[in-house]
Amino acid sequence: MTKHLHSGLFPGHVTHVRHRPKHHRLAYRIFSLLLDLDELGELDRRLRLFSVDRFNLFSFHRRDRGDRSGPDLRSQVERSMLECGLEPDGGPIRLVTMPRVLGFAFNPLSIFFCYGQNAGVRAILWEVDNTFGERHAYMIPVEHMDGAEIVQCCDKAFFVSPFMDMDLHYKFRVLAPADTLSVHIDTFDRDGLVLTARHLARRIALTDQALLHAFLSIPLLALKVVAGIYWEALKIRMKGIRLRTRPRPPEAPVSVVPSSATPRTSLERNG
């Protein structure tokens, strides 16, 4: 009998809406993988079009994530869990990320969902890459729920867009990936909502046939994402939005939000 996999393929859409100082909207199709870190070996053996740590049509290289040091992503994530006051118990860690396609990948955002052995999601690690080759992550415990939706907040610590200030606050609303994936990120400044980003996707089984269909639908996924970033940046600049100076990245690779200390966004502070 074929083993059931928690890993999956999530074709979907990403939208960004800038509300101030000038309205701007972008939308594009992408596909992401949900990778259970404990299933990587099984995926490498089972799939012909997907490999782990070696070249293929699709691949995932563990050194592409975390601190880029090598294979043990689980220990890296669990160290951050300990820093935010959570004792890892060996529960699943599942990563939403875009794979390498023909050896190339760029992920603006990758998300590690950290589960307990006998519970749901205990923490989420939000890993952000910018186009300057820098990376920073936010480890936030799961303490606030709105029904099935996880609600988290943190202050911005890492430069991403040259058109956004640093004194900003994030509010994340996310459904843990199951049959669907829903990620909603609002960005606030002191005056209110600045940017809304959404990623909505629906799960399909991770098979060679599904991977081939995804490739034919979006053959150069990472190049499309990078080209889209620069194209939209040009359009934003033409609307008169000024460039911000890029600060040095934080010394610590992960901003840890301690348990029971999740900050509120500016709108929540203002009532």
C-alpha atoms as a PDB file:
ATOM      1  CA  MET A   1       0.000   0.000   0.000  1.00  0.00           C
ATOM      2  CA  THR A   2       1.347   3.454  -0.935  1.00  0.00           C
ATOM      3  CA  LYS A   3       2.097   5.586   2.084  1.00  0.00           C
ATOM      4  CA  HIS A   4      -0.118   8.659   2.475  1.00  0.00           C
ATOM      5  CA  LEU A   5       1.901  11.849   2.193  1.00  0.00           C
ATOM      6  CA  HIS A   6       1.232  15.071   4.051  1.00  0.00           C
ATOM      7  CA  SER A   7       3.290  16.919   1.432  1.00  0.00           C
ATOM      8  CA  GLY A   8       1.375  18.365  -1.507  1.00  0.00           C
ATOM      9  CA  LEU A   9       1.290  20.740  -4.461  1.00  0.00           C
ATOM     10  CA  PHE A  10      -0.586  24.048  -4.139  1.00  0.00           C
ATOM     11  CA  PRO A  11      -1.341  25.940  -7.362  1.00  0.00           C
ATOM     12  CA  GLY A  12      -2.785  29.328  -6.548  1.00  0.00           C
ATOM     13  CA  HIS A  13      -2.708  33.109  -6.827  1.00  0.00           C
ATOM     14  CA  VAL A  14      -0.855  35.920  -5.079  1.00  0.00           C
ATOM     15  CA  THR A  15      -2.222  39.462  -4.901  1.00  0.00           C
ATOM     16  CA  HIS A  16      -0.679  42.621  -3.449  1.00  0.00           C
ATOM     17  CA  VAL A  17      -2.630  45.836  -2.955  1.00  0.00           C
ATOM     18  CA  ARG A  18      -0.851  49.044  -1.890  1.00  0.00           C
ATOM     19  CA  HIS A  19      -3.356  51.397  -0.301  1.00  0.00           C
ATOM     20  CA  ARG A  20      -1.111  54.428   0.351  1.00  0.00           C
ATOM     21  CA  PRO A  21       0.444  56.761  -0.707  1.00  0.00           C
ATOM     22  CA  LYS A  22      -0.628  55.662  -4.210  1.00  0.00           C
ATOM     23  CA  HIS A  23      -2.916  52.762  -5.009  1.00  0.00           C
ATOM     24  CA  HIS A  24      -1.238  49.885  -6.808  1.00  0.00           C
ATOM     25  CA  ARG A  25      -2.358  46.303  -7.378  1.00  0.00           C
ATOM     26  CA  LEU A  26      -0.612  43.237  -8.755  1.00  0.00           C
ATOM     27  CA  ALA A  27      -1.745  39.643  -9.173  1.00  0.00           C
ATOM     28  CA  TYR A  28      -0.060  36.568 -10.558  1.00  0.00           C
ATOM     29  CA  ARG A  29      -0.336  32.795 -10.592  1.00  0.00           C
ATOM     30  CA  ILE A  30       2.193  30.645  -8.760  1.00  0.00           C
ATOM     31  CA  PHE A  31       2.483  27.153  -7.387  1.00  0.00           C
ATOM     32  CA  SER A  32       4.055  26.156  -4.093  1.00  0.00           C
ATOM     33  CA  LEU A  33       5.040  22.898  -2.473  1.00  0.00           C
ATOM     34  CA  LEU A  34       4.046  21.831   1.000  1.00  0.00           C
ATOM     35  CA  LEU A  35       7.019  19.763   2.160  1.00  0.00           C
ATOM     36  CA  ASP A  36       6.910  17.730   5.356  1.00  0.00           C
ATOM     37  CA  LEU A  37      10.570  17.710   6.411  1.00  0.00           C
ATOM     38  CA  ASP A  38      10.229  14.085   7.537  1.00  0.00           C
ATOM     39  CA  GLU A  39       8.997  13.063   4.068  1.00  0.00           C
ATOM     40  CA  LEU A  40      11.835  14.494   1.978  1.00  0.00           C
ATOM     41  CA  GLY A  41      13.542  11.138   1.539  1.00  0.00           C
ATOM     42  CA  GLU A  42      10.277   9.470   0.533  1.00  0.00           C
ATOM     43  CA  LEU A  43       9.535  12.213  -1.999  1.00  0.00           C
ATOM     44  CA  ASP A  44      13.025  11.890  -3.476  1.00  0.00           C
ATOM     45  CA  ARG A  45      12.515   8.141  -3.979  1.00  0.00           C
ATOM     46  CA  ARG A  46       8.921   8.257  -5.161  1.00  0.00           C
ATOM     47  CA  LEU A  47       8.972  11.079  -7.721  1.00  0.00           C
ATOM     48  CA  ARG A  48      10.871  11.125 -11.007  1.00  0.00           C
ATOM     49  CA  LEU A  49      10.487  14.862 -11.648  1.00  0.00           C
ATOM     50  CA  PHE A  50      11.381  16.013  -8.120  1.00  0.00           C
ATOM     51  CA  SER A  51      14.641  15.538  -6.241  1.00  0.00           C
ATOM     52  CA  VAL A  52      16.094  16.601  -2.918  1.00  0.00           C
ATOM     53  CA  ASP A  53      19.538  18.220  -2.905  1.00  0.00           C
ATOM     54  CA  ARG A  54      20.233  17.409  -6.562  1.00  0.00           C
ATOM     55  CA  PHE A  55      19.262  18.715  -9.985  1.00  0.00           C
ATOM     56  CA  ASN A  56      15.941  17.803 -11.583  1.00  0.00           C
ATOM     57  CA  LEU A  57      13.062  19.486 -13.349  1.00  0.00           C
ATOM     58  CA  PHE A  58      11.871  20.323  -9.815  1.00  0.00           C
ATOM     59  CA  SER A  59      14.075  20.164  -6.747  1.00  0.00           C
ATOM     60  CA  PHE A  60      14.362  21.265  -3.156  1.00  0.00           C
ATOM     61  CA  HIS A  61      17.785  21.971  -1.699  1.00  0.00           C
ATOM     62  CA  ARG A  62      17.836  22.152   2.062  1.00  0.00           C
ATOM     63  CA  ARG A  63      20.685  24.670   1.967  1.00  0.00           C
ATOM     64  CA  ASP A  64      18.299  27.075   0.182  1.00  0.00           C
ATOM     65  CA  ARG A  65      16.405  27.615   3.418  1.00  0.00           C
ATOM     66  CA  GLY A  66      17.299  28.457   7.000  1.00  0.00           C
ATOM     67  CA  ASP A  67      20.877  29.635   7.542  1.00  0.00           C
ATOM     68  CA  ARG A  68      22.033  28.023   4.253  1.00  0.00           C
ATOM     69  CA  SER A  69      24.352  25.728   6.203  1.00  0.00           C
ATOM     70  CA  GLY A  70      23.069  22.342   5.099  1.00  0.00           C
ATOM     71  CA  PRO A  71      20.707  19.476   5.659  1.00  0.00           C
ATOM     72  CA  ASP A  72      19.332  19.730   9.191  1.00  0.00           C
ATOM     73  CA  LEU A  73      16.511  22.251   8.820  1.00  0.00           C
ATOM     74  CA  ARG A  74      14.549  20.678  11.659  1.00  0.00           C
ATOM     75  CA  SER A  75      17.206  21.495  14.275  1.00  0.00           C
ATOM     76  CA  GLN A  76      17.420  25.090  13.037  1.00  0.00           C
ATOM     77  CA  VAL A  77      13.666  25.595  13.324  1.00  0.00           C
ATOM     78  CA  GLU A  78      13.506  23.874  16.705  1.00  0.00           C
ATOM     79  CA  ARG A  79      16.240  26.153  18.091  1.00  0.00           C
ATOM     80  CA  SER A  80      14.051  29.130  17.209  1.00  0.00           C
ATOM     81  CA  MET A  81      11.076  27.447  18.880  1.00  0.00           C
ATOM     82  CA  LEU A  82      13.105  27.118  22.077  1.00  0.00           C
ATOM     83  CA  GLU A  83      14.045  30.807  21.898  1.00  0.00           C
ATOM     84  CA  CYS A  84      10.386  31.831  21.811  1.00  0.00           C
ATOM     85  CA  GLY A  85       9.560  29.653  24.820  1.00  0.00           C
ATOM     86  CA  LEU A  86       8.279  26.477  23.148  1.00  0.00           C
ATOM     87  CA  GLU A  87       9.741  23.034  23.847  1.00  0.00           C
ATOM     88  CA  PRO A  88       9.843  21.015  20.588  1.00  0.00           C
ATOM     89  CA  ASP A  89       8.298  17.554  20.961  1.00  0.00           C
ATOM     90  CA  GLY A  90       9.237  16.038  17.602  1.00  0.00           C
ATOM     91  CA  GLY A  91       5.993  17.031  15.907  1.00  0.00           C
ATOM     92  CA  PRO A  92       5.893  17.603  12.144  1.00  0.00           C
ATOM     93  CA  ILE A  93       7.478  20.644  10.559  1.00  0.00           C
ATOM     94  CA  ARG A  94       5.927  21.465   7.178  1.00  0.00           C
ATOM     95  CA  LEU A  95       7.295  24.053   4.801  1.00  0.00           C
ATOM     96  CA  VAL A  96       5.398  26.048   2.180  1.00  0.00           C
ATOM     97  CA  THR A  97       7.874  27.198  -0.458  1.00  0.00           C
ATOM     98  CA  MET A  98       8.410  27.401  -4.189  1.00  0.00           C
ATOM     99  CA  PRO A  99      10.720  24.683  -5.535  1.00  0.00           C
ATOM    100  CA  ARG A 100      13.724  25.088  -7.749  1.00  0.00           C
ATOM    101  CA  VAL A 101      12.687  24.778 -11.392  1.00  0.00           C
ATOM    102  CA  LEU A 102      15.543  23.624 -13.641  1.00  0.00           C
ATOM    103  CA  GLY A 103      17.891  24.514 -10.807  1.00  0.00           C
ATOM    104  CA  PHE A 104      16.690  28.050 -10.124  1.00  0.00           C
ATOM    105  CA  ALA A 105      14.482  29.413  -7.343  1.00  0.00           C
ATOM    106  CA  PHE A 106      13.615  32.656  -5.619  1.00  0.00           C
ATOM    107  CA  ASN A 107      11.240  32.716  -2.662  1.00  0.00           C
ATOM    108  CA  PRO A 108      10.092  36.093  -1.320  1.00  0.00           C
ATOM    109  CA  LEU A 109       8.357  34.215   1.508  1.00  0.00           C
ATOM    110  CA  SER A 110       8.661  30.665   2.815  1.00  0.00           C
ATOM    111  CA  ILE A 111       6.594  29.484   5.779  1.00  0.00           C
ATOM    112  CA  PHE A 112       7.469  26.751   8.285  1.00  0.00           C
ATOM    113  CA  PHE A 113       4.442  25.388  10.155  1.00  0.00           C
ATOM    114  CA  CYS A 114       5.615  23.803  13.429  1.00  0.00           C
ATOM    115  CA  TYR A 115       3.191  21.206  14.800  1.00  0.00           C
ATOM    116  CA  GLY A 116       2.989  19.388  18.102  1.00  0.00           C
ATOM    117  CA  GLN A 117       2.817  15.604  18.165  1.00  0.00           C
ATOM    118  CA  ASN A 118      -0.700  15.631  19.580  1.00  0.00           C
ATOM    119  CA  ALA A 119      -1.806  19.151  18.720  1.00  0.00           C
ATOM    120  CA  GLY A 120      -2.158  21.608  15.913  1.00  0.00           C
ATOM    121  CA  VAL A 121       0.278  24.292  14.819  1.00  0.00           C
ATOM    122  CA  ARG A 122       2.332  25.545  17.777  1.00  0.00           C
ATOM    123  CA  ALA A 123       4.453  28.142  15.993  1.00  0.00           C
ATOM    124  CA  ILE A 124       5.109  29.584  12.544  1.00  0.00           C
ATOM    125  CA  LEU A 125       8.478  30.651  11.156  1.00  0.00           C
ATOM    126  CA  TRP A 126       8.049  33.301   8.458  1.00  0.00           C
ATOM    127  CA  GLU A 127      11.223  33.344   6.337  1.00  0.00           C
ATOM    128  CA  VAL A 128      11.651  36.386   4.077  1.00  0.00           C
ATOM    129  CA  ASP A 129      14.157  36.842   1.230  1.00  0.00           C
ATOM    130  CA  ASN A 130      14.749  40.156  -0.521  1.00  0.00           C
ATOM    131  CA  THR A 131      16.188  40.790  -3.971  1.00  0.00           C
ATOM    132  CA  PHE A 132      19.517  41.904  -2.427  1.00  0.00           C
ATOM    133  CA  GLY A 133      20.385  38.332  -1.440  1.00  0.00           C
ATOM    134  CA  GLU A 134      19.499  38.882   2.221  1.00  0.00           C
ATOM    135  CA  ARG A 135      17.269  36.790   4.462  1.00  0.00           C
ATOM    136  CA  HIS A 136      15.518  37.215   7.778  1.00  0.00           C
ATOM    137  CA  ALA A 137      12.880  35.198   9.619  1.00  0.00           C
ATOM    138  CA  TYR A 138      10.223  35.802  12.262  1.00  0.00           C
ATOM    139  CA  MET A 139       9.434  32.990  14.725  1.00  0.00           C
ATOM    140  CA  ILE A 140       6.019  33.552  16.300  1.00  0.00           C
ATOM    141  CA  PRO A 141       4.130  31.191  18.647  1.00  0.00           C
ATOM    142  CA  VAL A 142       0.519  30.383  17.861  1.00  0.00           C
ATOM    143  CA  GLU A 143      -1.529  31.938  20.663  1.00  0.00           C
ATOM    144  CA  HIS A 144      -4.431  33.700  18.966  1.00  0.00           C
ATOM    145  CA  MET A 145      -7.102  32.055  16.833  1.00  0.00           C
ATOM    146  CA  ASP A 146     -10.123  33.414  15.008  1.00  0.00           C
ATOM    147  CA  GLY A 147     -12.044  30.210  14.440  1.00  0.00           C
ATOM    148  CA  ALA A 148      -9.684  28.033  12.385  1.00  0.00           C
ATOM    149  CA  GLU A 149      -7.596  31.045  11.395  1.00  0.00           C
ATOM    150  CA  ILE A 150      -4.277  31.689  13.114  1.00  0.00           C
ATOM    151  CA  VAL A 151      -3.687  35.371  13.901  1.00  0.00           C
ATOM    152  CA  GLN A 152      -0.167  36.672  14.549  1.00  0.00           C
ATOM    153  CA  CYS A 153       1.546  40.062  14.666  1.00  0.00           C
ATOM    154  CA  CYS A 154       5.091  41.379  14.758  1.00  0.00           C
ATOM    155  CA  ASP A 155       7.094  44.522  14.085  1.00  0.00           C
ATOM    156  CA  LYS A 156       9.015  44.800  10.822  1.00  0.00           C
ATOM    157  CA  ALA A 157      12.748  44.170  11.279  1.00  0.00           C
ATOM    158  CA  PHE A 158      13.977  43.490   7.736  1.00  0.00           C
ATOM    159  CA  PHE A 159      14.172  45.594   4.579  1.00  0.00           C
ATOM    160  CA  VAL A 160      12.198  44.074   1.699  1.00  0.00           C
ATOM    161  CA  SER A 161      10.778  46.688  -0.660  1.00  0.00           C
ATOM    162  CA  PRO A 162      12.653  49.932  -1.479  1.00  0.00           C
ATOM    163  CA  PHE A 163       9.259  51.653  -1.506  1.00  0.00           C
ATOM    164  CA  MET A 164       8.316  50.773   2.088  1.00  0.00           C
ATOM    165  CA  ASP A 165       9.442  52.316   5.384  1.00  0.00           C
ATOM    166  CA  MET A 166      10.962  50.255   8.200  1.00  0.00           C
ATOM    167  CA  ASP A 167       8.683  51.511  10.976  1.00  0.00           C
ATOM    168  CA  LEU A 168       5.888  49.113  10.072  1.00  0.00           C
ATOM    169  CA  HIS A 169       3.905  46.317  11.679  1.00  0.00           C
ATOM    170  CA  TYR A 170       2.651  43.041  10.232  1.00  0.00           C
ATOM    171  CA  LYS A 171      -0.566  41.218  10.943  1.00  0.00           C
ATOM    172  CA  PHE A 172      -0.748  37.637   9.662  1.00  0.00           C
ATOM    173  CA  ARG A 173      -3.964  35.674   9.222  1.00  0.00           C
ATOM    174  CA  VAL A 174      -3.370  32.139   8.003  1.00  0.00           C
ATOM    175  CA  LEU A 175      -5.118  28.802   7.707  1.00  0.00           C
ATOM    176  CA  ALA A 176      -2.755  25.886   8.242  1.00  0.00           C
ATOM    177  CA  PRO A 177      -2.443  24.077   4.891  1.00  0.00           C
ATOM    178  CA  ALA A 178      -4.934  21.267   4.431  1.00  0.00           C
ATOM    179  CA  ASP A 179      -7.164  21.081   1.354  1.00  0.00           C
ATOM    180  CA  THR A 180      -6.553  24.797   0.891  1.00  0.00           C
ATOM    181  CA  LEU A 181      -3.913  27.339   1.810  1.00  0.00           C
ATOM    182  CA  SER A 182      -4.852  30.864   2.844  1.00  0.00           C
ATOM    183  CA  VAL A 183      -2.264  33.460   3.867  1.00  0.00           C
ATOM    184  CA  HIS A 184      -3.313  37.074   4.447  1.00  0.00           C
ATOM    185  CA  ILE A 185      -0.726  39.679   5.504  1.00  0.00           C
ATOM    186  CA  ASP A 186      -1.638  43.277   6.344  1.00  0.00           C
ATOM    187  CA  THR A 187       1.091  45.885   6.778  1.00  0.00           C
ATOM    188  CA  PHE A 188       0.405  48.945   8.931  1.00  0.00           C
ATOM    189  CA  ASP A 189       2.153  52.210   9.678  1.00  0.00           C
ATOM    190  CA  ARG A 190       1.150  54.692  12.379  1.00  0.00           C
ATOM    191  CA  ASP A 191      -1.713  55.992  10.237  1.00  0.00           C
ATOM    192  CA  GLY A 192      -3.233  52.653   9.309  1.00  0.00           C
ATOM    193  CA  LEU A 193      -3.218  50.047   6.565  1.00  0.00           C
ATOM    194  CA  VAL A 194      -0.512  50.416   3.904  1.00  0.00           C
ATOM    195  CA  LEU A 195      -0.361  47.070   2.094  1.00  0.00           C
ATOM    196  CA  THR A 196      -2.411  43.883   1.855  1.00  0.00           C
ATOM    197  CA  ALA A 197      -0.906  40.676   0.490  1.00  0.00           C
ATOM    198  CA  ARG A 198      -2.780  37.419  -0.081  1.00  0.00           C
ATOM    199  CA  HIS A 199      -1.814  33.935  -1.172  1.00  0.00           C
ATOM    200  CA  LEU A 200      -4.724  31.594  -1.878  1.00  0.00           C
ATOM    201  CA  ALA A 201      -4.211  28.064  -3.189  1.00  0.00           C
ATOM    202  CA  ARG A 202      -5.860  24.668  -3.377  1.00  0.00           C
ATOM    203  CA  ARG A 203      -4.103  21.384  -2.704  1.00  0.00           C
ATOM    204  CA  ILE A 204      -3.579  18.649  -5.259  1.00  0.00           C
ATOM    205  CA  ALA A 205      -1.650  15.409  -4.808  1.00  0.00           C
ATOM    206  CA  LEU A 206       2.093  15.715  -5.318  1.00  0.00           C
ATOM    207  CA  THR A 207       2.640  13.412  -8.303  1.00  0.00           C
ATOM    208  CA  ASP A 208       4.838  13.487 -11.391  1.00  0.00           C
ATOM    209  CA  GLN A 209       1.781  14.159 -13.536  1.00  0.00           C
ATOM    210  CA  ALA A 210       0.785  17.135 -11.372  1.00  0.00           C
ATOM    211  CA  LEU A 211       4.335  18.499 -11.428  1.00  0.00           C
ATOM    212  CA  LEU A 212       4.519  18.234 -15.212  1.00  0.00           C
ATOM    213  CA  HIS A 213       1.194  20.056 -15.548  1.00  0.00           C
ATOM    214  CA  ALA A 214       2.450  22.786 -13.195  1.00  0.00           C
ATOM    215  CA  PHE A 215       5.618  23.177 -15.254  1.00  0.00           C
ATOM    216  CA  LEU A 216       3.702  23.469 -18.512  1.00  0.00           C
ATOM    217  CA  SER A 217       1.350  26.023 -16.914  1.00  0.00           C
ATOM    218  CA  ILE A 218       4.170  28.202 -15.502  1.00  0.00           C
ATOM    219  CA  PRO A 219       7.414  26.882 -17.030  1.00  0.00           C
ATOM    220  CA  LEU A 220       9.831  29.430 -15.518  1.00  0.00           C
ATOM    221  CA  LEU A 221       8.278  30.074 -12.135  1.00  0.00           C
ATOM    222  CA  ALA A 222      11.202  31.736 -10.356  1.00  0.00           C
ATOM    223  CA  LEU A 223      12.114  33.916 -13.340  1.00  0.00           C
ATOM    224  CA  LYS A 224       8.491  34.998 -13.560  1.00  0.00           C
ATOM    225  CA  VAL A 225       8.488  35.992  -9.890  1.00  0.00           C
ATOM    226  CA  VAL A 226      11.763  37.941 -10.089  1.00  0.00           C
ATOM    227  CA  ALA A 227      10.825  39.658 -13.373  1.00  0.00           C
ATOM    228  CA  GLY A 228       7.443  40.530 -11.896  1.00  0.00           C
ATOM    229  CA  ILE A 229       9.053  42.129  -8.840  1.00  0.00           C
ATOM    230  CA  TYR A 230      11.208  44.432 -10.978  1.00  0.00           C
ATOM    231  CA  TRP A 231       8.406  45.222 -13.432  1.00  0.00           C
ATOM    232  CA  GLU A 232       6.030  46.193 -10.650  1.00  0.00           C
ATOM    233  CA  ALA A 233       8.806  48.208  -8.977  1.00  0.00           C
ATOM    234  CA  LEU A 234       9.223  50.199 -12.176  1.00  0.00           C
ATOM    235  CA  LYS A 235       5.497  50.938 -12.314  1.00  0.00           C
ATOM    236  CA  ILE A 236       5.456  51.967  -8.644  1.00  0.00           C
ATOM    237  CA  ARG A 237       8.430  54.289  -9.199  1.00  0.00           C
ATOM    238  CA  MET A 238       6.660  55.865 -12.183  1.00  0.00           C
ATOM    239  CA  LYS A 239       3.764  56.705  -9.871  1.00  0.00           C
ATOM    240  CA  GLY A 240       6.123  58.969  -7.941  1.00  0.00           C
ATOM    241  CA  ILE A 241       6.734  56.836  -4.850  1.00  0.00           C
ATOM    242  CA  ARG A 242      10.195  57.629  -3.497  1.00  0.00           C
ATOM    243  CA  LEU A 243      12.927  55.098  -2.842  1.00  0.00           C
ATOM    244  CA  ARG A 244      13.997  54.296   0.720  1.00  0.00           C
ATOM    245  CA  THR A 245      17.603  53.747   1.790  1.00  0.00           C
ATOM    246  CA  ARG A 246      18.353  50.115   2.546  1.00  0.00           C
ATOM    247  CA  PRO A 247      19.599  49.610   6.113  1.00  0.00           C
ATOM    248  CA  ARG A 248      21.875  46.785   7.212  1.00  0.00           C
ATOM    249  CA  PRO A 249      19.971  43.564   7.936  1.00  0.00           C
ATOM    250  CA  PRO A 250      19.475  42.559  11.578  1.00  0.00           C
ATOM    251  CA  GLU A 251      22.472  40.866  13.203  1.00  0.00           C
ATOM    252  CA  ALA A 252      20.293  38.010  14.434  1.00  0.00           C
ATOM    253  CA  PRO A 253      18.993  35.856  11.556  1.00  0.00           C
ATOM    254  CA  VAL A 254      15.646  35.313  13.326  1.00  0.00           C
ATOM    255  CA  SER A 255      13.430  37.781  15.144  1.00  0.00           C
ATOM    256  CA  VAL A 256      11.828  35.790  17.935  1.00  0.00           C
ATOM    257  CA  VAL A 257       8.492  36.869  19.368  1.00  0.00           C
ATOM    258  CA  PRO A 258       8.393  35.427  22.913  1.00  0.00           C
ATOM    259  CA  SER A 259       5.391  33.390  23.961  1.00  0.00           C
ATOM    260  CA  SER A 260       2.584  35.601  25.339  1.00  0.00           C
ATOM    261  CA  ALA A 261       4.296  38.714  23.993  1.00  0.00           C
ATOM    262  CA  THR A 262       2.881  39.069  20.490  1.00  0.00           C
ATOM    263  CA  PRO A 263       2.744  42.819  19.704  1.00  0.00           C
ATOM    264  CA  ARG A 264      -0.326  44.503  18.310  1.00  0.00           C
ATOM    265  CA  THR A 265      -0.502  46.422  15.078  1.00  0.00           C
ATOM    266  CA  SER A 266      -0.800  50.193  15.071  1.00  0.00           C
ATOM    267  CA  LEU A 267      -4.508  50.056  14.251  1.00  0.00           C
ATOM    268  CA  GLU A 268      -5.072  47.765  17.244  1.00  0.00           C
ATOM    269  CA  ARG A 269      -3.007  50.099  19.434  1.00  0.00           C
ATOM    270  CA  ASN A 270      -5.174  52.990  18.327  1.00  0.00           C
ATOM    271  CA  GLY A 271      -8.313  51.140  19.285  1.00  0.00           C
END
